[in-house]
Structure formats: C-alpha cells, structure tokens
C-alpha atoms as a PDB file:
ATOM      1  CA  UNK A   1      10.539  78.760-100.963  1.00  0.00           C
ATOM      2  CA  UNK A   2      11.029  81.710-103.250  1.00  0.00           C
ATOM      3  CA  UNK A   3      12.265  81.383-106.810  1.00  0.00           C
ATOM      4  CA  UNK A   4      13.109  83.926-109.471  1.00  0.00           C
ATOM      5  CA  UNK A   5      11.942  82.689-112.868  1.00  0.00           C
ATOM      6  CA  UNK A   6      13.088  84.295-116.108  1.00  0.00           C
ATOM      7  CA  UNK A   7      11.045  83.201-119.127  1.00  0.00           C
ATOM      8  CA  UNK A   8      12.658  83.835-122.532  1.00  0.00           C
ATOM      9  CA  UNK A   9      10.417  83.176-125.503  1.00  0.00           C
ATOM     10  CA  UNK A  10      11.669  82.642-129.035  1.00  0.00           C
ATOM     11  CA  UNK A  11       8.930  82.838-131.620  1.00  0.00           C
ATOM     12  CA  UNK A  12       8.844  79.643-133.674  1.00  0.00           C
ATOM     13  CA  UNK A  13       9.060  80.224-137.412  1.00  0.00           C
ATOM     14  CA  UNK A  14       5.883  78.205-137.982  1.00  0.00           C
ATOM     15  CA  UNK A  15       3.545  80.489-136.019  1.00  0.00           C
ATOM     16  CA  UNK A  16       2.433  84.035-136.698  1.00  0.00           C
ATOM     17  CA  UNK A  17       2.793  87.025-134.407  1.00  0.00           C
ATOM     18  CA  UNK A  18      -0.937  86.824-133.738  1.00  0.00           C
ATOM     19  CA  UNK A  19      -0.697  83.145-132.752  1.00  0.00           C
ATOM     20  CA  UNK A  20       2.179  83.946-130.386  1.00  0.00           C
ATOM     21  CA  UNK A  21       0.140  86.720-128.764  1.00  0.00           C
ATOM     22  CA  UNK A  22      -2.847  84.355-128.387  1.00  0.00           C
ATOM     23  CA  UNK A  23      -0.616  81.848-126.547  1.00  0.00           C
ATOM     24  CA  UNK A  24       0.780  84.646-124.400  1.00  0.00           C
ATOM     25  CA  UNK A  25      -2.759  85.838-123.610  1.00  0.00           C
ATOM     26  CA  UNK A  26      -3.718  82.327-122.415  1.00  0.00           C
ATOM     27  CA  UNK A  27      -0.590  82.325-120.253  1.00  0.00           C
ATOM     28  CA  UNK A  28      -1.506  85.697-118.729  1.00  0.00           C
ATOM     29  CA  UNK A  29      -5.051  84.492-118.032  1.00  0.00           C
ATOM     30  CA  UNK A  30      -3.615  81.461-116.214  1.00  0.00           C
ATOM     31  CA  UNK A  31      -1.154  83.604-114.225  1.00  0.00           C
ATOM     32  CA  UNK A  32      -3.493  86.321-112.961  1.00  0.00           C
ATOM     33  CA  UNK A  33      -5.369  84.123-110.433  1.00  0.00           C
ATOM     34  CA  UNK A  34      -2.006  82.992-108.987  1.00  0.00           C
ATOM     35  CA  UNK A  35      -0.944  86.645-108.648  1.00  0.00           C
ATOM     36  CA  UNK A  36      -4.188  87.497-106.860  1.00  0.00           C
ATOM     37  CA  UNK A  37      -3.825  84.438-104.596  1.00  0.00           C
ATOM     38  CA  UNK A  38      -0.289  85.478-103.630  1.00  0.00           C
ATOM     39  CA  UNK A  39       1.448  82.432-105.136  1.00  0.00           C
ATOM     40  CA  UNK A  40       3.162  84.703-107.631  1.00  0.00           C
ATOM     41  CA  UNK A  41       4.775  87.494-105.613  1.00  0.00           C
ATOM     42  CA  UNK A  42       5.826  89.553-108.612  1.00  0.00           C
ATOM     43  CA  UNK A  43       5.264  89.271-112.349  1.00  0.00           C
ATOM     44  CA  UNK A  44       6.926  91.599-114.849  1.00  0.00           C
ATOM     45  CA  UNK A  45       7.176  91.866-118.629  1.00  0.00           C
ATOM     46  CA  UNK A  46      10.657  92.909-119.770  1.00  0.00           C
ATOM     47  CA  UNK A  47      10.270  95.958-121.982  1.00  0.00           C
ATOM     48  CA  UNK A  48      11.231  95.471-125.618  1.00  0.00           C
ATOM     49  CA  UNK A  49      11.861  91.742-125.260  1.00  0.00           C
ATOM     50  CA  UNK A  50       9.842  88.563-125.342  1.00  0.00           C
ATOM     51  CA  UNK A  51      10.682  87.908-121.715  1.00  0.00           C
ATOM     52  CA  UNK A  52       8.829  87.716-118.424  1.00  0.00           C
ATOM     53  CA  UNK A  53      10.298  87.715-114.916  1.00  0.00           C
ATOM     54  CA  UNK A  54       8.396  86.201-111.993  1.00  0.00           C
ATOM     55  CA  UNK A  55       8.944  85.696-108.299  1.00  0.00           C
ATOM     56  CA  UNK A  56       7.010  82.668-107.122  1.00  0.00           C
ATOM     57  CA  UNK A  57       6.454  81.184-103.666  1.00  0.00           C
ATOM     58  CA  UNK A  58       6.188  77.376-103.586  1.00  0.00           C
ATOM     59  CA  UNK A  59       6.403  74.697-100.913  1.00  0.00           C
ATOM     60  CA  UNK A  60       8.857  72.429-102.729  1.00  0.00           C
ATOM     61  CA  UNK A  61      10.958  71.897-105.818  1.00  0.00           C
ATOM     62  CA  UNK A  62       8.430  69.341-106.962  1.00  0.00           C
ATOM     63  CA  UNK A  63       5.607  71.879-106.717  1.00  0.00           C
ATOM     64  CA  UNK A  64       7.584  74.278-108.886  1.00  0.00           C
ATOM     65  CA  UNK A  65       8.168  71.566-111.504  1.00  0.00           C
ATOM     66  CA  UNK A  66       4.467  70.699-111.470  1.00  0.00           C
ATOM     67  CA  UNK A  67       3.445  74.333-111.905  1.00  0.00           C
ATOM     68  CA  UNK A  68       5.898  74.891-114.744  1.00  0.00           C
ATOM     69  CA  UNK A  69       4.793  71.780-116.633  1.00  0.00           C
ATOM     70  CA  UNK A  70       1.142  72.891-116.557  1.00  0.00           C
ATOM     71  CA  UNK A  71       1.686  76.445-117.861  1.00  0.00           C
ATOM     72  CA  UNK A  72       0.045  77.100-121.252  1.00  0.00           C
ATOM     73  CA  UNK A  73       3.216  78.697-122.603  1.00  0.00           C
ATOM     74  CA  UNK A  74       5.279  75.625-121.639  1.00  0.00           C
ATOM     75  CA  UNK A  75       2.739  73.243-123.159  1.00  0.00           C
ATOM     76  CA  UNK A  76       2.433  75.232-126.383  1.00  0.00           C
ATOM     77  CA  UNK A  77       5.943  76.657-126.829  1.00  0.00           C
ATOM     78  CA  UNK A  78       8.086  74.333-124.709  1.00  0.00           C
ATOM     79  CA  UNK A  79      10.711  73.852-127.409  1.00  0.00           C
ATOM     80  CA  UNK A  80      10.909  77.628-128.001  1.00  0.00           C
ATOM     81  CA  UNK A  81      11.014  78.653-124.368  1.00  0.00           C
ATOM     82  CA  UNK A  82      13.911  78.939-121.950  1.00  0.00           C
ATOM     83  CA  UNK A  83      13.222  79.231-118.221  1.00  0.00           C
ATOM     84  CA  UNK A  84      16.018  80.250-115.897  1.00  0.00           C
ATOM     85  CA  UNK A  85      15.246  79.286-112.286  1.00  0.00           C
ATOM     86  CA  UNK A  86      17.108  80.764-109.316  1.00  0.00           C
ATOM     87  CA  UNK A  87      16.370  80.129-105.638  1.00  0.00           C
ATOM     88  CA  UNK A  88      16.154  83.400-103.689  1.00  0.00           C
ATOM     89  CA  UNK A  89      15.403  84.483-100.126  1.00  0.00           C
ATOM     90  CA  UNK A  90      14.523  87.805 -98.490  1.00  0.00           C
ATOM     91  CA  UNK A  91      17.437  90.157 -98.030  1.00  0.00           C
ATOM     92  CA  UNK A  92      16.374  90.637 -94.413  1.00  0.00           C
ATOM     93  CA  UNK A  93      17.220  86.959 -93.808  1.00  0.00           C
ATOM     94  CA  UNK A  94      20.659  87.495 -95.296  1.00  0.00           C
ATOM     95  CA  UNK A  95      21.163  90.539 -93.081  1.00  0.00           C
ATOM     96  CA  UNK A  96      20.283  88.520 -89.977  1.00  0.00           C
ATOM     97  CA  UNK A  97      22.686  85.810 -91.050  1.00  0.00           C
ATOM     98  CA  UNK A  98      25.500  88.362 -91.486  1.00  0.00           C
ATOM     99  CA  UNK A  99      24.872  89.740 -88.002  1.00  0.00           C
ATOM    100  CA  UNK A 100      24.990  86.238 -86.564  1.00  0.00           C
ATOM    101  CA  UNK A 101      28.166  85.300 -88.405  1.00  0.00           C
ATOM    102  CA  UNK A 102      29.940  88.492 -87.336  1.00  0.00           C
ATOM    103  CA  UNK A 103      29.325  87.947 -83.603  1.00  0.00           C
END
C-alpha cells in the first residue's frame, strides 16, 4: 500500500533553531535506512518551508500508524507537527482500470 505523507513542522516557541535542526537531523538519520531498504519510495524536502514529502510503502494501515508513532520528529515535536496522509496507487493501475471500464 502506497501513501503520500506531507509533514508540516511548526517550530515551537520554546526551542531554538539549533534544537529544531538537531531533532530534524535525528529524523533524517532514522529515515535514511528506510530509504535504502526501499520502504520509503521517495523523500523530499520542500524548498523554503519546514515541510517534507514522502512516499512510503507499507503492508497495512496499522503498520503506517506504528511507523509514524515511532518517528523521532513525532515523538519530539508531535504537538507542533501536522501529517497529511493520502493513499495513492501507481498511475499505470489507474490506466488499466480506465481501459477495463471503457470496454
């Protein structure tokens, strides 16, 4: 199951820029092995914003919830973080469906 995740981070007023970057660094260190293992299909920093977009491949909704709850950025900034989650599927699958429906 593929999901598009959009992480939007709002810096809490009680932490410094350096502290935010340290949290973000821990998050990146946790994410890189998942990228290399193919669990994260795409991971992008949005230019000029405190936002990250990811495409992740999981086996279930429960697995996605478990992954999200263990992320350093969720644990450390949960109240200052918004995650938009959208189920997606390959466009090729949609194309095949359109061909089938038009027959």
